[in-house]
Amino acid sequence: MVQVLDEDGTVDPWRRRVRRGRRQMPLWQELPLLLVVAFCLAVLIRTFLLQAFFIPSGSMEDTLLIGDRVLVNKVVYDVRDPVRGEVVVFRGTDRWVAQESPAPPAGIVGRTSRTLGDLVGVSRPGEKDFIKRVIGVPGDRVRCCDDQGRVLVNGIPLDEPYVVRDSPLEVPPNPKECRSRRFEEVVVPSGQIFVMGDHRLVSQDARCQGPVPIDNVVGRAFMVVWPSSRWAPLSVPETFAQLSRPAVASATPPAPPAPAPVGGIALVLPVTTLITVVARSGRSVRARQRRLLP
């Protein structure tokens, strides 16, 4: 210990009394305080930065399997718009019909359990939370299919190796059902995105339920974190690099996407991003249910 001495070489009695007055907090007092601080930090991180989501359906197979948990970056779209090929979590519009409607938790125990589960991504599904892949951005022309049954964006076919089970070509298109692979050309409106599930055979997506406003996007799913055997980043497939710019520019010029984390989850939060989180406008902080629907 470093002691502060007076000019005559003696210890200052005032400093001696201060040191004597400092006592280590007992464990039974320190532990609850640490738990409260940890809980508050978890709430802040979940609300503004990152959140874990549970995958309950097969609409994104085989990219995401039932039971997977993904991390969602909730800050990235405050500084740029979604990019083609990214996997996003969003709230569906009135046209998006949930395939299951969870009952609200009963009693204070149920509500507390749901709040705690919401923090770690294991809560029950919400009615209008979905996860899909961005296929088209504002101004894009999206349709299906070419002579090989591929989706075309701005006239360019997509090679989608992540689509393992596609919708049948022989089923006639129906704007109210997503059973057919074929659909008429859609010009993505300004401020919206065209999304589709990777498991086209079962996915209910923009083919029949319409584009999604960018303001409804919760964030980008960038990594599978559980189970540990499937731990991997969710990167943008190479096929989207060939697409030309959209015919109509988006309201917010897109910035280059952040590189996928390598060797672990590296979270870099510059000062500008933190300022954006604090000053984010145009989006009210709403309570959202945290399990995704197909």
C-alpha atoms as a PDB file:
ATOM      1  CA  MET A   1       0.000   0.000   0.000  1.00  0.00           C
ATOM      2  CA  VAL A   2       1.278   3.479  -0.837  1.00  0.00           C
ATOM      3  CA  GLN A   3       1.101   5.851   2.128  1.00  0.00           C
ATOM      4  CA  VAL A   4       0.889   9.616   1.821  1.00  0.00           C
ATOM      5  CA  LEU A   5       3.321  11.207   4.283  1.00  0.00           C
ATOM      6  CA  ASP A   6       3.455  14.700   5.642  1.00  0.00           C
ATOM      7  CA  GLU A   7       6.530  16.857   5.254  1.00  0.00           C
ATOM      8  CA  ASP A   8       7.948  15.521   8.525  1.00  0.00           C
ATOM      9  CA  GLY A   9       7.575  11.907   7.331  1.00  0.00           C
ATOM     10  CA  THR A  10       4.515  10.980   9.419  1.00  0.00           C
ATOM     11  CA  VAL A  11       1.201   9.647   8.117  1.00  0.00           C
ATOM     12  CA  ASP A  12      -1.519  12.272   7.824  1.00  0.00           C
ATOM     13  CA  PRO A  13      -4.024  11.412  10.603  1.00  0.00           C
ATOM     14  CA  TRP A  14      -6.978  12.502   8.443  1.00  0.00           C
ATOM     15  CA  ARG A  15      -6.015  10.027   5.742  1.00  0.00           C
ATOM     16  CA  ARG A  16      -5.533   7.378   8.417  1.00  0.00           C
ATOM     17  CA  ARG A  17      -9.100   7.915   9.605  1.00  0.00           C
ATOM     18  CA  VAL A  18     -10.457   7.736   6.038  1.00  0.00           C
ATOM     19  CA  ARG A  19      -8.752   4.411   5.426  1.00  0.00           C
ATOM     20  CA  ARG A  20      -9.959   3.112   8.747  1.00  0.00           C
ATOM     21  CA  GLY A  21     -13.530   4.156   7.869  1.00  0.00           C
ATOM     22  CA  ARG A  22     -13.547   2.186   4.597  1.00  0.00           C
ATOM     23  CA  ARG A  23     -14.899  -1.271   5.108  1.00  0.00           C
ATOM     24  CA  GLN A  24     -15.430  -4.022   2.580  1.00  0.00           C
ATOM     25  CA  MET A  25     -19.104  -4.639   1.822  1.00  0.00           C
ATOM     26  CA  PRO A  26     -20.310  -8.024   3.106  1.00  0.00           C
ATOM     27  CA  LEU A  27     -21.045 -10.650   0.466  1.00  0.00           C
ATOM     28  CA  TRP A  28     -24.718 -10.828   1.391  1.00  0.00           C
ATOM     29  CA  GLN A  29     -25.017  -7.127   0.539  1.00  0.00           C
ATOM     30  CA  GLU A  30     -22.724  -7.119  -2.484  1.00  0.00           C
ATOM     31  CA  LEU A  31     -24.315 -10.078  -4.294  1.00  0.00           C
ATOM     32  CA  PRO A  32     -27.851  -8.580  -4.628  1.00  0.00           C
ATOM     33  CA  LEU A  33     -26.315  -5.307  -5.810  1.00  0.00           C
ATOM     34  CA  LEU A  34     -24.312  -7.116  -8.491  1.00  0.00           C
ATOM     35  CA  LEU A  35     -27.424  -8.998  -9.621  1.00  0.00           C
ATOM     36  CA  VAL A  36     -29.403  -5.766  -9.957  1.00  0.00           C
ATOM     37  CA  VAL A  37     -26.597  -4.139 -11.955  1.00  0.00           C
ATOM     38  CA  ALA A  38     -26.306  -7.190 -14.222  1.00  0.00           C
ATOM     39  CA  PHE A  39     -30.067  -7.237 -14.805  1.00  0.00           C
ATOM     40  CA  CYS A  40     -30.130  -3.528 -15.691  1.00  0.00           C
ATOM     41  CA  LEU A  41     -27.242  -3.991 -18.123  1.00  0.00           C
ATOM     42  CA  ALA A  42     -29.030  -6.938 -19.742  1.00  0.00           C
ATOM     43  CA  VAL A  43     -32.182  -4.847 -20.213  1.00  0.00           C
ATOM     44  CA  LEU A  44     -30.209  -1.984 -21.771  1.00  0.00           C
ATOM     45  CA  ILE A  45     -28.330  -4.295 -24.117  1.00  0.00           C
ATOM     46  CA  ARG A  46     -31.520  -6.102 -25.146  1.00  0.00           C
ATOM     47  CA  THR A  47     -33.403  -2.861 -25.745  1.00  0.00           C
ATOM     48  CA  PHE A  48     -30.788  -0.970 -27.717  1.00  0.00           C
ATOM     49  CA  LEU A  49     -27.970  -3.221 -28.923  1.00  0.00           C
ATOM     50  CA  LEU A  50     -28.339  -7.017 -29.113  1.00  0.00           C
ATOM     51  CA  GLN A  51     -31.021  -9.594 -28.489  1.00  0.00           C
ATOM     52  CA  ALA A  52     -31.271 -13.361 -28.740  1.00  0.00           C
ATOM     53  CA  PHE A  53     -34.191 -14.826 -30.706  1.00  0.00           C
ATOM     54  CA  PHE A  54     -35.561 -18.360 -30.632  1.00  0.00           C
ATOM     55  CA  ILE A  55     -36.477 -20.062 -33.950  1.00  0.00           C
ATOM     56  CA  PRO A  56     -39.720 -22.056 -33.549  1.00  0.00           C
ATOM     57  CA  SER A  57     -40.514 -22.920 -37.191  1.00  0.00           C
ATOM     58  CA  GLY A  58     -38.894 -24.322 -40.314  1.00  0.00           C
ATOM     59  CA  SER A  59     -39.502 -21.361 -42.647  1.00  0.00           C
ATOM     60  CA  MET A  60     -35.752 -20.588 -42.831  1.00  0.00           C
ATOM     61  CA  GLU A  61     -34.444 -24.159 -43.111  1.00  0.00           C
ATOM     62  CA  ASP A  62     -31.761 -25.225 -43.669  1.00  0.00           C
ATOM     63  CA  THR A  63     -30.114 -21.916 -42.826  1.00  0.00           C
ATOM     64  CA  LEU A  64     -31.906 -21.810 -39.471  1.00  0.00           C
ATOM     65  CA  LEU A  65     -33.354 -24.883 -37.802  1.00  0.00           C
ATOM     66  CA  ILE A  66     -36.105 -25.206 -35.232  1.00  0.00           C
ATOM     67  CA  GLY A  67     -34.576 -24.584 -31.817  1.00  0.00           C
ATOM     68  CA  ASP A  68     -31.722 -22.401 -33.055  1.00  0.00           C
ATOM     69  CA  ARG A  69     -30.988 -19.157 -31.257  1.00  0.00           C
ATOM     70  CA  VAL A  70     -29.669 -16.200 -33.214  1.00  0.00           C
ATOM     71  CA  LEU A  71     -28.165 -12.894 -32.170  1.00  0.00           C
ATOM     72  CA  VAL A  72     -29.790  -9.807 -33.666  1.00  0.00           C
ATOM     73  CA  ASN A  73     -28.006  -6.478 -34.089  1.00  0.00           C
ATOM     74  CA  LYS A  74     -30.613  -3.814 -33.279  1.00  0.00           C
ATOM     75  CA  VAL A  75     -28.351  -0.826 -34.016  1.00  0.00           C
ATOM     76  CA  VAL A  76     -27.162  -1.439 -37.576  1.00  0.00           C
ATOM     77  CA  TYR A  77     -30.339  -0.237 -39.314  1.00  0.00           C
ATOM     78  CA  ASP A  78     -30.319   3.014 -37.386  1.00  0.00           C
ATOM     79  CA  VAL A  79     -27.348   4.068 -39.528  1.00  0.00           C
ATOM     80  CA  ARG A  80     -28.180   2.316 -42.823  1.00  0.00           C
ATOM     81  CA  ASP A  81     -30.920   0.403 -44.624  1.00  0.00           C
ATOM     82  CA  PRO A  82     -31.118  -3.399 -45.018  1.00  0.00           C
ATOM     83  CA  VAL A  83     -29.012  -4.972 -47.771  1.00  0.00           C
ATOM     84  CA  ARG A  84     -30.065  -7.753 -50.137  1.00  0.00           C
ATOM     85  CA  GLY A  85     -29.211 -11.185 -48.788  1.00  0.00           C
ATOM     86  CA  GLU A  86     -29.253 -10.241 -45.106  1.00  0.00           C
ATOM     87  CA  VAL A  87     -31.436 -12.161 -42.644  1.00  0.00           C
ATOM     88  CA  VAL A  88     -33.664  -9.750 -40.742  1.00  0.00           C
ATOM     89  CA  VAL A  89     -36.160  -9.855 -37.879  1.00  0.00           C
ATOM     90  CA  PHE A  90     -39.213  -7.648 -38.343  1.00  0.00           C
ATOM     91  CA  ARG A  91     -42.770  -7.002 -37.237  1.00  0.00           C
ATOM     92  CA  GLY A  92     -45.268  -8.017 -39.882  1.00  0.00           C
ATOM     93  CA  THR A  93     -47.912  -5.638 -41.165  1.00  0.00           C
ATOM     94  CA  ASP A  94     -51.654  -6.267 -40.918  1.00  0.00           C
ATOM     95  CA  ARG A  95     -51.396  -8.408 -44.068  1.00  0.00           C
ATOM     96  CA  TRP A  96     -48.964 -10.778 -42.381  1.00  0.00           C
ATOM     97  CA  VAL A  97     -50.965 -13.497 -40.699  1.00  0.00           C
ATOM     98  CA  ALA A  98     -49.440 -15.341 -37.775  1.00  0.00           C
ATOM     99  CA  GLN A  99     -49.809 -19.125 -37.861  1.00  0.00           C
ATOM    100  CA  GLU A 100     -50.081 -19.322 -34.082  1.00  0.00           C
ATOM    101  CA  SER A 101     -51.453 -16.903 -31.504  1.00  0.00           C
ATOM    102  CA  PRO A 102     -49.884 -17.339 -28.062  1.00  0.00           C
ATOM    103  CA  ALA A 103     -52.013 -16.833 -24.999  1.00  0.00           C
ATOM    104  CA  PRO A 104     -50.838 -14.013 -22.730  1.00  0.00           C
ATOM    105  CA  PRO A 105     -49.072 -15.167 -19.552  1.00  0.00           C
ATOM    106  CA  ALA A 106     -51.336 -15.427 -16.538  1.00  0.00           C
ATOM    107  CA  GLY A 107     -50.368 -14.040 -13.147  1.00  0.00           C
ATOM    108  CA  ILE A 108     -47.263 -12.314 -11.922  1.00  0.00           C
ATOM    109  CA  VAL A 109     -45.207 -15.526 -12.064  1.00  0.00           C
ATOM    110  CA  GLY A 110     -46.054 -16.027 -15.735  1.00  0.00           C
ATOM    111  CA  ARG A 111     -45.279 -12.436 -16.617  1.00  0.00           C
ATOM    112  CA  THR A 112     -41.981 -12.547 -14.734  1.00  0.00           C
ATOM    113  CA  SER A 113     -40.985 -15.807 -16.415  1.00  0.00           C
ATOM    114  CA  ARG A 114     -41.763 -14.358 -19.820  1.00  0.00           C
ATOM    115  CA  THR A 115     -39.722 -11.222 -19.092  1.00  0.00           C
ATOM    116  CA  LEU A 116     -36.705 -13.292 -18.041  1.00  0.00           C
ATOM    117  CA  GLY A 117     -37.101 -15.572 -21.054  1.00  0.00           C
ATOM    118  CA  ASP A 118     -37.375 -12.538 -23.281  1.00  0.00           C
ATOM    119  CA  LEU A 119     -33.926 -11.418 -22.148  1.00  0.00           C
ATOM    120  CA  VAL A 120     -32.244 -14.645 -23.248  1.00  0.00           C
ATOM    121  CA  GLY A 121     -34.318 -15.459 -26.330  1.00  0.00           C
ATOM    122  CA  VAL A 122     -36.405 -18.361 -25.047  1.00  0.00           C
ATOM    123  CA  SER A 123     -39.741 -16.633 -24.586  1.00  0.00           C
ATOM    124  CA  ARG A 124     -42.973 -17.704 -26.213  1.00  0.00           C
ATOM    125  CA  PRO A 125     -43.718 -16.564 -29.775  1.00  0.00           C
ATOM    126  CA  GLY A 126     -45.205 -13.207 -30.588  1.00  0.00           C
ATOM    127  CA  GLU A 127     -48.046 -12.735 -33.021  1.00  0.00           C
ATOM    128  CA  LYS A 128     -46.231 -10.570 -35.560  1.00  0.00           C
ATOM    129  CA  ASP A 129     -42.492 -11.270 -35.204  1.00  0.00           C
ATOM    130  CA  PHE A 130     -40.892 -12.921 -38.249  1.00  0.00           C
ATOM    131  CA  ILE A 131     -37.448 -13.759 -39.615  1.00  0.00           C
ATOM    132  CA  LYS A 132     -36.747 -13.824 -43.372  1.00  0.00           C
ATOM    133  CA  ARG A 133     -34.064 -13.048 -45.941  1.00  0.00           C
ATOM    134  CA  VAL A 134     -34.040  -9.725 -47.823  1.00  0.00           C
ATOM    135  CA  ILE A 135     -34.441 -10.378 -51.549  1.00  0.00           C
ATOM    136  CA  GLY A 136     -35.300  -6.911 -52.845  1.00  0.00           C
ATOM    137  CA  VAL A 137     -34.762  -3.344 -51.625  1.00  0.00           C
ATOM    138  CA  PRO A 138     -36.643  -0.150 -52.622  1.00  0.00           C
ATOM    139  CA  GLY A 139     -36.918   0.166 -56.406  1.00  0.00           C
ATOM    140  CA  ASP A 140     -36.033  -3.467 -57.178  1.00  0.00           C
ATOM    141  CA  ARG A 141     -38.148  -5.524 -59.571  1.00  0.00           C
ATOM    142  CA  VAL A 142     -38.630  -9.022 -58.198  1.00  0.00           C
ATOM    143  CA  ARG A 143     -40.353 -11.909 -59.958  1.00  0.00           C
ATOM    144  CA  CYS A 144     -40.236 -15.653 -60.497  1.00  0.00           C
ATOM    145  CA  CYS A 145     -39.305 -17.456 -62.518  1.00  0.00           C
ATOM    146  CA  ASP A 146     -36.794 -17.770 -65.403  1.00  0.00           C
ATOM    147  CA  ASP A 147     -36.531 -20.908 -67.547  1.00  0.00           C
ATOM    148  CA  GLN A 148     -34.566 -22.595 -64.744  1.00  0.00           C
ATOM    149  CA  GLY A 149     -37.104 -21.713 -62.048  1.00  0.00           C
ATOM    150  CA  ARG A 150     -34.937 -19.050 -60.403  1.00  0.00           C
ATOM    151  CA  VAL A 151     -36.007 -15.798 -58.750  1.00  0.00           C
ATOM    152  CA  LEU A 152     -35.043 -12.706 -60.738  1.00  0.00           C
ATOM    153  CA  VAL A 153     -34.120  -9.340 -59.235  1.00  0.00           C
ATOM    154  CA  ASN A 154     -33.819  -6.512 -61.755  1.00  0.00           C
ATOM    155  CA  GLY A 155     -33.759  -9.188 -64.469  1.00  0.00           C
ATOM    156  CA  ILE A 156     -30.789 -11.022 -62.928  1.00  0.00           C
ATOM    157  CA  PRO A 157     -31.403 -14.617 -61.734  1.00  0.00           C
ATOM    158  CA  LEU A 158     -30.331 -15.616 -58.247  1.00  0.00           C
ATOM    159  CA  ASP A 159     -28.417 -18.829 -57.627  1.00  0.00           C
ATOM    160  CA  GLU A 160     -29.638 -19.792 -54.166  1.00  0.00           C
ATOM    161  CA  PRO A 161     -27.870 -22.880 -52.789  1.00  0.00           C
ATOM    162  CA  TYR A 162     -29.398 -22.122 -49.369  1.00  0.00           C
ATOM    163  CA  VAL A 163     -32.879 -22.936 -50.761  1.00  0.00           C
ATOM    164  CA  VAL A 164     -33.030 -26.689 -50.203  1.00  0.00           C
ATOM    165  CA  ARG A 165     -36.792 -27.172 -50.553  1.00  0.00           C
ATOM    166  CA  ASP A 166     -38.424 -24.846 -53.075  1.00  0.00           C
ATOM    167  CA  SER A 167     -42.064 -24.318 -53.935  1.00  0.00           C
ATOM    168  CA  PRO A 168     -43.412 -26.346 -56.889  1.00  0.00           C
ATOM    169  CA  LEU A 169     -43.458 -24.788 -60.348  1.00  0.00           C
ATOM    170  CA  GLU A 170     -46.600 -26.603 -61.465  1.00  0.00           C
ATOM    171  CA  VAL A 171     -48.851 -24.932 -58.855  1.00  0.00           C
ATOM    172  CA  PRO A 172     -50.506 -21.836 -60.375  1.00  0.00           C
ATOM    173  CA  PRO A 173     -49.586 -18.532 -58.689  1.00  0.00           C
ATOM    174  CA  ASN A 174     -52.037 -17.158 -56.139  1.00  0.00           C
ATOM    175  CA  PRO A 175     -51.436 -13.676 -54.649  1.00  0.00           C
ATOM    176  CA  LYS A 176     -53.163 -14.790 -51.427  1.00  0.00           C
ATOM    177  CA  GLU A 177     -51.172 -18.006 -50.920  1.00  0.00           C
ATOM    178  CA  CYS A 178     -47.433 -18.766 -50.948  1.00  0.00           C
ATOM    179  CA  ARG A 179     -47.812 -22.282 -52.327  1.00  0.00           C
ATOM    180  CA  SER A 180     -46.442 -21.612 -55.807  1.00  0.00           C
ATOM    181  CA  ARG A 181     -42.893 -20.717 -56.749  1.00  0.00           C
ATOM    182  CA  ARG A 182     -44.147 -18.443 -59.488  1.00  0.00           C
ATOM    183  CA  PHE A 183     -45.335 -14.897 -58.819  1.00  0.00           C
ATOM    184  CA  GLU A 184     -45.835 -11.771 -60.907  1.00  0.00           C
ATOM    185  CA  GLU A 185     -43.261  -8.993 -60.963  1.00  0.00           C
ATOM    186  CA  VAL A 186     -43.289  -6.789 -57.883  1.00  0.00           C
ATOM    187  CA  VAL A 187     -41.723  -3.333 -57.813  1.00  0.00           C
ATOM    188  CA  VAL A 188     -40.575  -2.840 -54.219  1.00  0.00           C
ATOM    189  CA  PRO A 189     -42.020   0.475 -52.956  1.00  0.00           C
ATOM    190  CA  SER A 190     -39.844   3.167 -51.443  1.00  0.00           C
ATOM    191  CA  GLY A 191     -39.146   2.570 -47.758  1.00  0.00           C
ATOM    192  CA  GLN A 192     -39.956  -1.167 -47.955  1.00  0.00           C
ATOM    193  CA  ILE A 193     -38.187  -4.485 -48.526  1.00  0.00           C
ATOM    194  CA  PHE A 194     -39.188  -7.743 -50.225  1.00  0.00           C
ATOM    195  CA  VAL A 195     -38.419 -10.737 -47.999  1.00  0.00           C
ATOM    196  CA  MET A 196     -38.640 -14.502 -48.467  1.00  0.00           C
ATOM    197  CA  GLY A 197     -37.924 -17.538 -46.316  1.00  0.00           C
ATOM    198  CA  ASP A 198     -35.221 -19.998 -47.353  1.00  0.00           C
ATOM    199  CA  HIS A 199     -37.665 -22.911 -47.028  1.00  0.00           C
ATOM    200  CA  ARG A 200     -39.924 -21.683 -49.852  1.00  0.00           C
ATOM    201  CA  LEU A 201     -42.215 -24.696 -49.604  1.00  0.00           C
ATOM    202  CA  VAL A 202     -43.614 -23.644 -46.212  1.00  0.00           C
ATOM    203  CA  SER A 203     -42.605 -19.993 -45.835  1.00  0.00           C
ATOM    204  CA  GLN A 204     -45.350 -17.397 -45.724  1.00  0.00           C
ATOM    205  CA  ASP A 205     -43.584 -14.295 -46.993  1.00  0.00           C
ATOM    206  CA  ALA A 206     -43.753 -11.276 -49.303  1.00  0.00           C
ATOM    207  CA  ARG A 207     -44.906 -13.416 -52.222  1.00  0.00           C
ATOM    208  CA  CYS A 208     -48.399 -13.459 -50.755  1.00  0.00           C
ATOM    209  CA  GLN A 209     -48.297 -11.096 -47.770  1.00  0.00           C
ATOM    210  CA  GLY A 210     -46.594  -8.121 -49.344  1.00  0.00           C
ATOM    211  CA  PRO A 211     -43.400  -6.123 -48.722  1.00  0.00           C
ATOM    212  CA  VAL A 212     -42.387  -4.981 -45.245  1.00  0.00           C
ATOM    213  CA  PRO A 213     -41.717  -1.361 -44.193  1.00  0.00           C
ATOM    214  CA  ILE A 214     -38.094  -0.796 -43.238  1.00  0.00           C
ATOM    215  CA  ASP A 215     -39.353   0.961 -40.113  1.00  0.00           C
ATOM    216  CA  ASN A 216     -40.758  -2.412 -38.968  1.00  0.00           C
ATOM    217  CA  VAL A 217     -37.352  -4.098 -39.050  1.00  0.00           C
ATOM    218  CA  VAL A 218     -36.076  -4.917 -35.555  1.00  0.00           C
ATOM    219  CA  GLY A 219     -32.538  -5.741 -36.639  1.00  0.00           C
ATOM    220  CA  ARG A 220     -30.195  -8.013 -38.532  1.00  0.00           C
ATOM    221  CA  ALA A 221     -29.670 -11.626 -37.462  1.00  0.00           C
ATOM    222  CA  PHE A 222     -25.909 -11.997 -37.824  1.00  0.00           C
ATOM    223  CA  MET A 223     -24.988 -15.185 -35.959  1.00  0.00           C
ATOM    224  CA  VAL A 224     -26.312 -18.546 -34.786  1.00  0.00           C
ATOM    225  CA  VAL A 225     -25.171 -18.869 -31.178  1.00  0.00           C
ATOM    226  CA  TRP A 226     -27.011 -22.011 -30.042  1.00  0.00           C
ATOM    227  CA  PRO A 227     -26.680 -24.951 -30.169  1.00  0.00           C
ATOM    228  CA  SER A 228     -22.895 -24.744 -30.048  1.00  0.00           C
ATOM    229  CA  SER A 229     -22.558 -27.285 -32.864  1.00  0.00           C
ATOM    230  CA  ARG A 230     -24.243 -24.807 -35.248  1.00  0.00           C
ATOM    231  CA  TRP A 231     -22.370 -21.699 -34.097  1.00  0.00           C
ATOM    232  CA  ALA A 232     -21.701 -19.705 -37.307  1.00  0.00           C
ATOM    233  CA  PRO A 233     -22.151 -16.227 -38.819  1.00  0.00           C
ATOM    234  CA  LEU A 234     -25.111 -15.462 -41.099  1.00  0.00           C
ATOM    235  CA  SER A 235     -23.304 -13.838 -44.003  1.00  0.00           C
ATOM    236  CA  VAL A 236     -24.695 -12.463 -47.281  1.00  0.00           C
ATOM    237  CA  PRO A 237     -24.612 -15.108 -50.073  1.00  0.00           C
ATOM    238  CA  GLU A 238     -22.336 -14.338 -53.016  1.00  0.00           C
ATOM    239  CA  THR A 239     -25.175 -14.382 -55.547  1.00  0.00           C
ATOM    240  CA  PHE A 240     -26.403 -10.978 -54.333  1.00  0.00           C
ATOM    241  CA  ALA A 241     -23.100  -9.289 -55.253  1.00  0.00           C
ATOM    242  CA  GLN A 242     -24.006  -9.486 -58.948  1.00  0.00           C
ATOM    243  CA  LEU A 243     -27.133  -7.369 -58.645  1.00  0.00           C
ATOM    244  CA  SER A 244     -27.190  -3.843 -60.016  1.00  0.00           C
ATOM    245  CA  ARG A 245     -28.324  -0.831 -58.018  1.00  0.00           C
ATOM    246  CA  PRO A 246     -32.085  -0.367 -57.605  1.00  0.00           C
ATOM    247  CA  ALA A 247     -33.907   1.865 -60.042  1.00  0.00           C
ATOM    248  CA  VAL A 248     -35.188   4.093 -57.226  1.00  0.00           C
ATOM    249  CA  ALA A 249     -32.783   5.169 -54.540  1.00  0.00           C
ATOM    250  CA  SER A 250     -33.680   4.463 -50.963  1.00  0.00           C
ATOM    251  CA  ALA A 251     -34.492   7.320 -48.625  1.00  0.00           C
ATOM    252  CA  THR A 252     -31.314   6.564 -46.628  1.00  0.00           C
ATOM    253  CA  PRO A 253     -28.183   5.776 -48.689  1.00  0.00           C
ATOM    254  CA  PRO A 254     -26.957   2.327 -47.685  1.00  0.00           C
ATOM    255  CA  ALA A 255     -23.512   2.066 -46.147  1.00  0.00           C
ATOM    256  CA  PRO A 256     -21.190  -0.906 -46.726  1.00  0.00           C
ATOM    257  CA  PRO A 257     -22.202  -3.860 -44.560  1.00  0.00           C
ATOM    258  CA  ALA A 258     -20.088  -4.598 -41.517  1.00  0.00           C
ATOM    259  CA  PRO A 259     -17.767  -7.615 -41.861  1.00  0.00           C
ATOM    260  CA  ALA A 260     -18.930 -10.858 -40.338  1.00  0.00           C
ATOM    261  CA  PRO A 261     -17.307 -11.635 -36.981  1.00  0.00           C
ATOM    262  CA  VAL A 262     -14.338 -14.003 -37.210  1.00  0.00           C
ATOM    263  CA  GLY A 263     -13.183 -16.261 -34.386  1.00  0.00           C
ATOM    264  CA  GLY A 264     -15.844 -15.053 -31.993  1.00  0.00           C
ATOM    265  CA  ILE A 265     -18.426 -12.354 -31.418  1.00  0.00           C
ATOM    266  CA  ALA A 266     -16.566  -9.056 -31.730  1.00  0.00           C
ATOM    267  CA  LEU A 267     -18.762  -6.126 -30.822  1.00  0.00           C
ATOM    268  CA  VAL A 268     -17.352  -2.752 -31.843  1.00  0.00           C
ATOM    269  CA  LEU A 269     -19.501   0.152 -30.687  1.00  0.00           C
ATOM    270  CA  PRO A 270     -18.020   3.482 -31.782  1.00  0.00           C
ATOM    271  CA  VAL A 271     -19.040   6.684 -30.125  1.00  0.00           C
ATOM    272  CA  THR A 272     -21.109   7.676 -33.146  1.00  0.00           C
ATOM    273  CA  THR A 273     -23.192   4.520 -32.825  1.00  0.00           C
ATOM    274  CA  LEU A 274     -23.852   5.140 -29.143  1.00  0.00           C
ATOM    275  CA  ILE A 275     -24.945   8.691 -29.922  1.00  0.00           C
ATOM    276  CA  THR A 276     -27.277   7.297 -32.590  1.00  0.00           C
ATOM    277  CA  VAL A 277     -28.824   4.888 -30.074  1.00  0.00           C
ATOM    278  CA  VAL A 278     -29.475   7.666 -27.574  1.00  0.00           C
ATOM    279  CA  ALA A 279     -30.769  10.133 -30.162  1.00  0.00           C
ATOM    280  CA  ARG A 280     -32.594   7.654 -32.401  1.00  0.00           C
ATOM    281  CA  SER A 281     -35.760   9.316 -33.602  1.00  0.00           C
ATOM    282  CA  GLY A 282     -38.758   8.215 -35.555  1.00  0.00           C
ATOM    283  CA  ARG A 283     -38.905   4.922 -33.707  1.00  0.00           C
ATOM    284  CA  SER A 284     -40.662   4.560 -30.417  1.00  0.00           C
ATOM    285  CA  VAL A 285     -39.395   1.893 -28.038  1.00  0.00           C
ATOM    286  CA  ARG A 286     -42.140  -0.670 -27.911  1.00  0.00           C
ATOM    287  CA  ALA A 287     -42.495  -3.902 -26.096  1.00  0.00           C
ATOM    288  CA  ARG A 288     -42.050  -6.685 -28.607  1.00  0.00           C
ATOM    289  CA  GLN A 289     -42.693 -10.366 -28.223  1.00  0.00           C
ATOM    290  CA  ARG A 290     -39.491 -12.235 -28.734  1.00  0.00           C
ATOM    291  CA  ARG A 291     -40.069 -15.531 -30.405  1.00  0.00           C
ATOM    292  CA  LEU A 292     -40.393 -15.607 -34.156  1.00  0.00           C
ATOM    293  CA  LEU A 293     -43.185 -16.956 -36.267  1.00  0.00           C
ATOM    294  CA  PRO A 294     -42.928 -18.584 -39.709  1.00  0.00           C
END
